[in-house]
Amino acid sequence: MNNFNLHTPTRILFGKGAIAGLREQIPHDARVLITYGGGSVKKTGVLDQVLDALKGHG
C-alpha cells in the first residue's frame, strides 16, 4: 500500500430544517460522500431528502 495523508474536516448539521440548508454548506466544487448503515435512513426517507437537497449541486 502507498503512504498517504488524509485530512477530513467534519461539519455535522443536526436538527429541524438541517437537511433543507445542506446545499448552502457545501462549496460549489466539492464532492460529497454519503455513507449509511443498516438501512433505516432509506426506510424513513431521510436518504431521499438528502439526495433531493443536493440535486443541482456543482
PDB file of N, CA and C in Angstrom:
ATOM      1  N   MET A   1       0.844  -1.171   0.000  1.00  0.00           N
ATOM      2  CA  MET A   1       0.000   0.000   0.000  1.00  0.00           C
ATOM      3  C   MET A   1       0.892   1.238   0.000  1.00  0.00           C
ATOM      4  N   ASN A   2       0.472   2.259  -0.716  1.00  0.00           N
ATOM      5  CA  ASN A   2       1.197   3.532  -0.745  1.00  0.00           C
ATOM      6  C   ASN A   2       0.880   4.348   0.497  1.00  0.00           C
ATOM      7  N   ASN A   3       1.858   5.125   0.930  1.00  0.00           N
ATOM      8  CA  ASN A   3       1.620   6.047   2.038  1.00  0.00           C
ATOM      9  C   ASN A   3       0.748   7.204   1.562  1.00  0.00           C
ATOM     10  N   PHE A   4      -0.067   7.727   2.440  1.00  0.00           N
ATOM     11  CA  PHE A   4      -0.876   8.890   2.097  1.00  0.00           C
ATOM     12  C   PHE A   4      -1.272   9.631   3.359  1.00  0.00           C
ATOM     13  N   ASN A   5      -1.663  10.867   3.189  1.00  0.00           N
ATOM     14  CA  ASN A   5      -2.212  11.684   4.265  1.00  0.00           C
ATOM     15  C   ASN A   5      -3.658  11.987   3.930  1.00  0.00           C
ATOM     16  N   LEU A   6      -4.506  11.925   4.908  1.00  0.00           N
ATOM     17  CA  LEU A   6      -5.924  12.213   4.716  1.00  0.00           C
ATOM     18  C   LEU A   6      -6.343  13.262   5.733  1.00  0.00           C
ATOM     19  N   HIS A   7      -6.856  14.364   5.229  1.00  0.00           N
ATOM     20  CA  HIS A   7      -7.346  15.435   6.096  1.00  0.00           C
ATOM     21  C   HIS A   7      -8.832  15.583   5.829  1.00  0.00           C
ATOM     22  N   THR A   8      -9.654  15.318   6.821  1.00  0.00           N
ATOM     23  CA  THR A   8     -11.098  15.360   6.623  1.00  0.00           C
ATOM     24  C   THR A   8     -11.770  16.214   7.694  1.00  0.00           C
ATOM     25  N   PRO A   9     -11.771  17.520   7.487  1.00  0.00           N
ATOM     26  CA  PRO A   9     -12.500  18.360   8.431  1.00  0.00           C
ATOM     27  C   PRO A   9     -13.990  18.013   8.348  1.00  0.00           C
ATOM     28  N   THR A  10     -14.628  17.939   9.470  1.00  0.00           N
ATOM     29  CA  THR A  10     -16.014  17.481   9.525  1.00  0.00           C
ATOM     30  C   THR A  10     -16.930  18.557  10.087  1.00  0.00           C
ATOM     31  N   ARG A  11     -18.046  18.737   9.422  1.00  0.00           N
ATOM     32  CA  ARG A  11     -19.106  19.608   9.933  1.00  0.00           C
ATOM     33  C   ARG A  11     -20.353  18.741  10.048  1.00  0.00           C
ATOM     34  N   ILE A  12     -20.979  18.765  11.188  1.00  0.00           N
ATOM     35  CA  ILE A  12     -22.192  17.983  11.404  1.00  0.00           C
ATOM     36  C   ILE A  12     -23.358  18.946  11.575  1.00  0.00           C
ATOM     37  N   LEU A  13     -24.360  18.794  10.717  1.00  0.00           N
ATOM     38  CA  LEU A  13     -25.579  19.594  10.811  1.00  0.00           C
ATOM     39  C   LEU A  13     -26.643  18.719  11.450  1.00  0.00           C
ATOM     40  N   PHE A  14     -27.283  19.225  12.476  1.00  0.00           N
ATOM     41  CA  PHE A  14     -28.257  18.422  13.200  1.00  0.00           C
ATOM     42  C   PHE A  14     -29.440  19.294  13.595  1.00  0.00           C
ATOM     43  N   GLY A  15     -30.618  18.727  13.502  1.00  0.00           N
ATOM     44  CA  GLY A  15     -31.801  19.417  13.995  1.00  0.00           C
ATOM     45  C   GLY A  15     -32.829  19.680  12.916  1.00  0.00           C
ATOM     46  N   LYS A  16     -33.927  20.242  13.350  1.00  0.00           N
ATOM     47  CA  LYS A  16     -35.044  20.534  12.461  1.00  0.00           C
ATOM     48  C   LYS A  16     -34.603  21.507  11.367  1.00  0.00           C
ATOM     49  N   GLY A  17     -34.874  21.151  10.120  1.00  0.00           N
ATOM     50  CA  GLY A  17     -34.538  22.016   8.998  1.00  0.00           C
ATOM     51  C   GLY A  17     -33.101  21.915   8.522  1.00  0.00           C
ATOM     52  N   ALA A  18     -32.301  21.052   9.148  1.00  0.00           N
ATOM     53  CA  ALA A  18     -30.882  20.954   8.784  1.00  0.00           C
ATOM     54  C   ALA A  18     -30.691  20.470   7.345  1.00  0.00           C
ATOM     55  N   ILE A  19     -31.511  19.537   6.904  1.00  0.00           N
ATOM     56  CA  ILE A  19     -31.362  18.999   5.549  1.00  0.00           C
ATOM     57  C   ILE A  19     -31.656  20.074   4.510  1.00  0.00           C
ATOM     58  N   ALA A  20     -32.630  20.910   4.762  1.00  0.00           N
ATOM     59  CA  ALA A  20     -33.007  21.956   3.805  1.00  0.00           C
ATOM     60  C   ALA A  20     -31.858  22.921   3.535  1.00  0.00           C
ATOM     61  N   GLY A  21     -31.011  23.168   4.511  1.00  0.00           N
ATOM     62  CA  GLY A  21     -29.894  24.096   4.343  1.00  0.00           C
ATOM     63  C   GLY A  21     -28.586  23.429   3.988  1.00  0.00           C
ATOM     64  N   LEU A  22     -28.654  22.153   3.665  1.00  0.00           N
ATOM     65  CA  LEU A  22     -27.444  21.378   3.411  1.00  0.00           C
ATOM     66  C   LEU A  22     -26.635  21.895   2.234  1.00  0.00           C
ATOM     67  N   ARG A  23     -27.296  22.186   1.133  1.00  0.00           N
ATOM     68  CA  ARG A  23     -26.588  22.578  -0.089  1.00  0.00           C
ATOM     69  C   ARG A  23     -25.777  23.854   0.094  1.00  0.00           C
ATOM     70  N   GLU A  24     -26.261  24.780   0.890  1.00  0.00           N
ATOM     71  CA  GLU A  24     -25.546  26.040   1.108  1.00  0.00           C
ATOM     72  C   GLU A  24     -24.266  25.840   1.917  1.00  0.00           C
ATOM     73  N   GLN A  25     -24.140  24.716   2.596  1.00  0.00           N
ATOM     74  CA  GLN A  25     -22.969  24.444   3.426  1.00  0.00           C
ATOM     75  C   GLN A  25     -21.807  23.846   2.640  1.00  0.00           C
ATOM     76  N   ILE A  26     -22.069  23.409   1.409  1.00  0.00           N
ATOM     77  CA  ILE A  26     -21.065  22.680   0.638  1.00  0.00           C
ATOM     78  C   ILE A  26     -20.510  23.577  -0.461  1.00  0.00           C
ATOM     79  N   PRO A  27     -19.183  23.736  -0.524  1.00  0.00           N
ATOM     80  CA  PRO A  27     -18.593  24.545  -1.594  1.00  0.00           C
ATOM     81  C   PRO A  27     -18.992  24.019  -2.974  1.00  0.00           C
ATOM     82  N   HIS A  28     -19.080  24.915  -3.934  1.00  0.00           N
ATOM     83  CA  HIS A  28     -19.556  24.581  -5.282  1.00  0.00           C
ATOM     84  C   HIS A  28     -18.756  23.449  -5.930  1.00  0.00           C
ATOM     85  N   ASP A  29     -17.447  23.431  -5.726  1.00  0.00           N
ATOM     86  CA  ASP A  29     -16.598  22.446  -6.396  1.00  0.00           C
ATOM     87  C   ASP A  29     -16.311  21.213  -5.534  1.00  0.00           C
ATOM     88  N   ALA A  30     -17.033  21.041  -4.440  1.00  0.00           N
ATOM     89  CA  ALA A  30     -16.790  19.922  -3.528  1.00  0.00           C
ATOM     90  C   ALA A  30     -17.469  18.647  -4.012  1.00  0.00           C
ATOM     91  N   ARG A  31     -16.909  17.545  -3.605  1.00  0.00           N
ATOM     92  CA  ARG A  31     -17.544  16.250  -3.820  1.00  0.00           C
ATOM     93  C   ARG A  31     -18.196  15.834  -2.512  1.00  0.00           C
ATOM     94  N   VAL A  32     -19.249  15.056  -2.619  1.00  0.00           N
ATOM     95  CA  VAL A  32     -19.977  14.630  -1.429  1.00  0.00           C
ATOM     96  C   VAL A  32     -19.975  13.107  -1.373  1.00  0.00           C
ATOM     97  N   LEU A  33     -19.641  12.571  -0.216  1.00  0.00           N
ATOM     98  CA  LEU A  33     -19.697  11.133   0.028  1.00  0.00           C
ATOM     99  C   LEU A  33     -20.732  10.896   1.120  1.00  0.00           C
ATOM    100  N   ILE A  34     -21.713  10.076   0.813  1.00  0.00           N
ATOM    101  CA  ILE A  34     -22.754   9.758   1.788  1.00  0.00           C
ATOM    102  C   ILE A  34     -22.582   8.303   2.196  1.00  0.00           C
ATOM    103  N   THR A  35     -22.450   8.062   3.483  1.00  0.00           N
ATOM    104  CA  THR A  35     -22.368   6.693   3.995  1.00  0.00           C
ATOM    105  C   THR A  35     -23.509   6.478   4.979  1.00  0.00           C
ATOM    106  N   TYR A  36     -23.993   5.266   5.018  1.00  0.00           N
ATOM    107  CA  TYR A  36     -25.049   4.942   5.970  1.00  0.00           C
ATOM    108  C   TYR A  36     -24.969   3.471   6.321  1.00  0.00           C
ATOM    109  N   GLY A  37     -25.649   3.080   7.359  1.00  0.00           N
ATOM    110  CA  GLY A  37     -25.550   1.721   7.884  1.00  0.00           C
ATOM    111  C   GLY A  37     -26.680   0.814   7.454  1.00  0.00           C
ATOM    112  N   GLY A  38     -27.442   0.373   8.418  1.00  0.00           N
ATOM    113  CA  GLY A  38     -28.401  -0.705   8.231  1.00  0.00           C
ATOM    114  C   GLY A  38     -29.601  -0.450   7.342  1.00  0.00           C
ATOM    115  N   GLY A  39     -29.845   0.740   6.945  1.00  0.00           N
ATOM    116  CA  GLY A  39     -30.940   0.982   6.018  1.00  0.00           C
ATOM    117  C   GLY A  39     -32.102   1.784   6.567  1.00  0.00           C
ATOM    118  N   SER A  40     -32.095   2.126   7.859  1.00  0.00           N
ATOM    119  CA  SER A  40     -33.218   2.908   8.388  1.00  0.00           C
ATOM    120  C   SER A  40     -33.296   4.273   7.724  1.00  0.00           C
ATOM    121  N   VAL A  41     -32.162   4.772   7.257  1.00  0.00           N
ATOM    122  CA  VAL A  41     -32.146   6.059   6.565  1.00  0.00           C
ATOM    123  C   VAL A  41     -32.961   5.976   5.268  1.00  0.00           C
ATOM    124  N   LYS A  42     -33.003   4.796   4.672  1.00  0.00           N
ATOM    125  CA  LYS A  42     -33.845   4.590   3.488  1.00  0.00           C
ATOM    126  C   LYS A  42     -35.311   4.426   3.888  1.00  0.00           C
ATOM    127  N   LYS A  43     -35.547   3.621   4.916  1.00  0.00           N
ATOM    128  CA  LYS A  43     -36.922   3.345   5.354  1.00  0.00           C
ATOM    129  C   LYS A  43     -37.641   4.611   5.798  1.00  0.00           C
ATOM    130  N   THR A  44     -36.932   5.511   6.445  1.00  0.00           N
ATOM    131  CA  THR A  44     -37.554   6.737   6.953  1.00  0.00           C
ATOM    132  C   THR A  44     -37.628   7.845   5.912  1.00  0.00           C
ATOM    133  N   GLY A  45     -36.947   7.649   4.769  1.00  0.00           N
ATOM    134  CA  GLY A  45     -36.970   8.655   3.717  1.00  0.00           C
ATOM    135  C   GLY A  45     -35.918   9.739   3.859  1.00  0.00           C
ATOM    136  N   VAL A  46     -35.071   9.637   4.871  1.00  0.00           N
ATOM    137  CA  VAL A  46     -34.050  10.664   5.095  1.00  0.00           C
ATOM    138  C   VAL A  46     -33.038  10.688   3.951  1.00  0.00           C
ATOM    139  N   LEU A  47     -32.647   9.522   3.452  1.00  0.00           N
ATOM    140  CA  LEU A  47     -31.689   9.487   2.345  1.00  0.00           C
ATOM    141  C   LEU A  47     -32.247  10.217   1.130  1.00  0.00           C
ATOM    142  N   ASP A  48     -33.498   9.984   0.799  1.00  0.00           N
ATOM    143  CA  ASP A  48     -34.121  10.680  -0.334  1.00  0.00           C
ATOM    144  C   ASP A  48     -34.166  12.188  -0.107  1.00  0.00           C
ATOM    145  N   GLN A  49     -34.421  12.609   1.128  1.00  0.00           N
ATOM    146  CA  GLN A  49     -34.437  14.041   1.437  1.00  0.00           C
ATOM    147  C   GLN A  49     -33.059  14.658   1.221  1.00  0.00           C
ATOM    148  N   VAL A  50     -32.025  13.955   1.654  1.00  0.00           N
ATOM    149  CA  VAL A  50     -30.655  14.457   1.487  1.00  0.00           C
ATOM    150  C   VAL A  50     -30.297  14.522   0.009  1.00  0.00           C
ATOM    151  N   LEU A  51     -30.598  13.469  -0.738  1.00  0.00           N
ATOM    152  CA  LEU A  51     -30.295  13.455  -2.171  1.00  0.00           C
ATOM    153  C   LEU A  51     -31.052  14.559  -2.903  1.00  0.00           C
ATOM    154  N   ASP A  52     -32.304  14.780  -2.542  1.00  0.00           N
ATOM    155  CA  ASP A  52     -33.079  15.866  -3.150  1.00  0.00           C
ATOM    156  C   ASP A  52     -32.471  17.226  -2.826  1.00  0.00           C
ATOM    157  N   ALA A  53     -32.008  17.389  -1.588  1.00  0.00           N
ATOM    158  CA  ALA A  53     -31.401  18.661  -1.179  1.00  0.00           C
ATOM    159  C   ALA A  53     -30.111  18.930  -1.939  1.00  0.00           C
ATOM    160  N   LEU A  54     -29.431  17.867  -2.362  1.00  0.00           N
ATOM    161  CA  LEU A  54     -28.150  18.024  -3.058  1.00  0.00           C
ATOM    162  C   LEU A  54     -28.296  18.085  -4.576  1.00  0.00           C
ATOM    163  N   LYS A  55     -29.476  17.816  -5.103  1.00  0.00           N
ATOM    164  CA  LYS A  55     -29.666  17.858  -6.560  1.00  0.00           C
ATOM    165  C   LYS A  55     -29.312  19.234  -7.093  1.00  0.00           C
ATOM    166  N   GLY A  56     -28.590  19.247  -8.189  1.00  0.00           N
ATOM    167  CA  GLY A  56     -28.204  20.504  -8.811  1.00  0.00           C
ATOM    168  C   GLY A  56     -26.957  21.122  -8.208  1.00  0.00           C
ATOM    169  N   HIS A  57     -26.380  20.468  -7.200  1.00  0.00           N
ATOM    170  CA  HIS A  57     -25.144  20.995  -6.599  1.00  0.00           C
ATOM    171  C   HIS A  57     -23.995  20.763  -7.561  1.00  0.00           C
ATOM    172  N   GLY A  58     -23.151  21.754  -7.696  1.00  0.00           N
ATOM    173  CA  GLY A  58     -21.959  21.604  -8.536  1.00  0.00           C
ATOM    174  C   GLY A  58     -22.309  21.768  -9.927  1.00  0.00           C
TER     175      GLY A  58
END
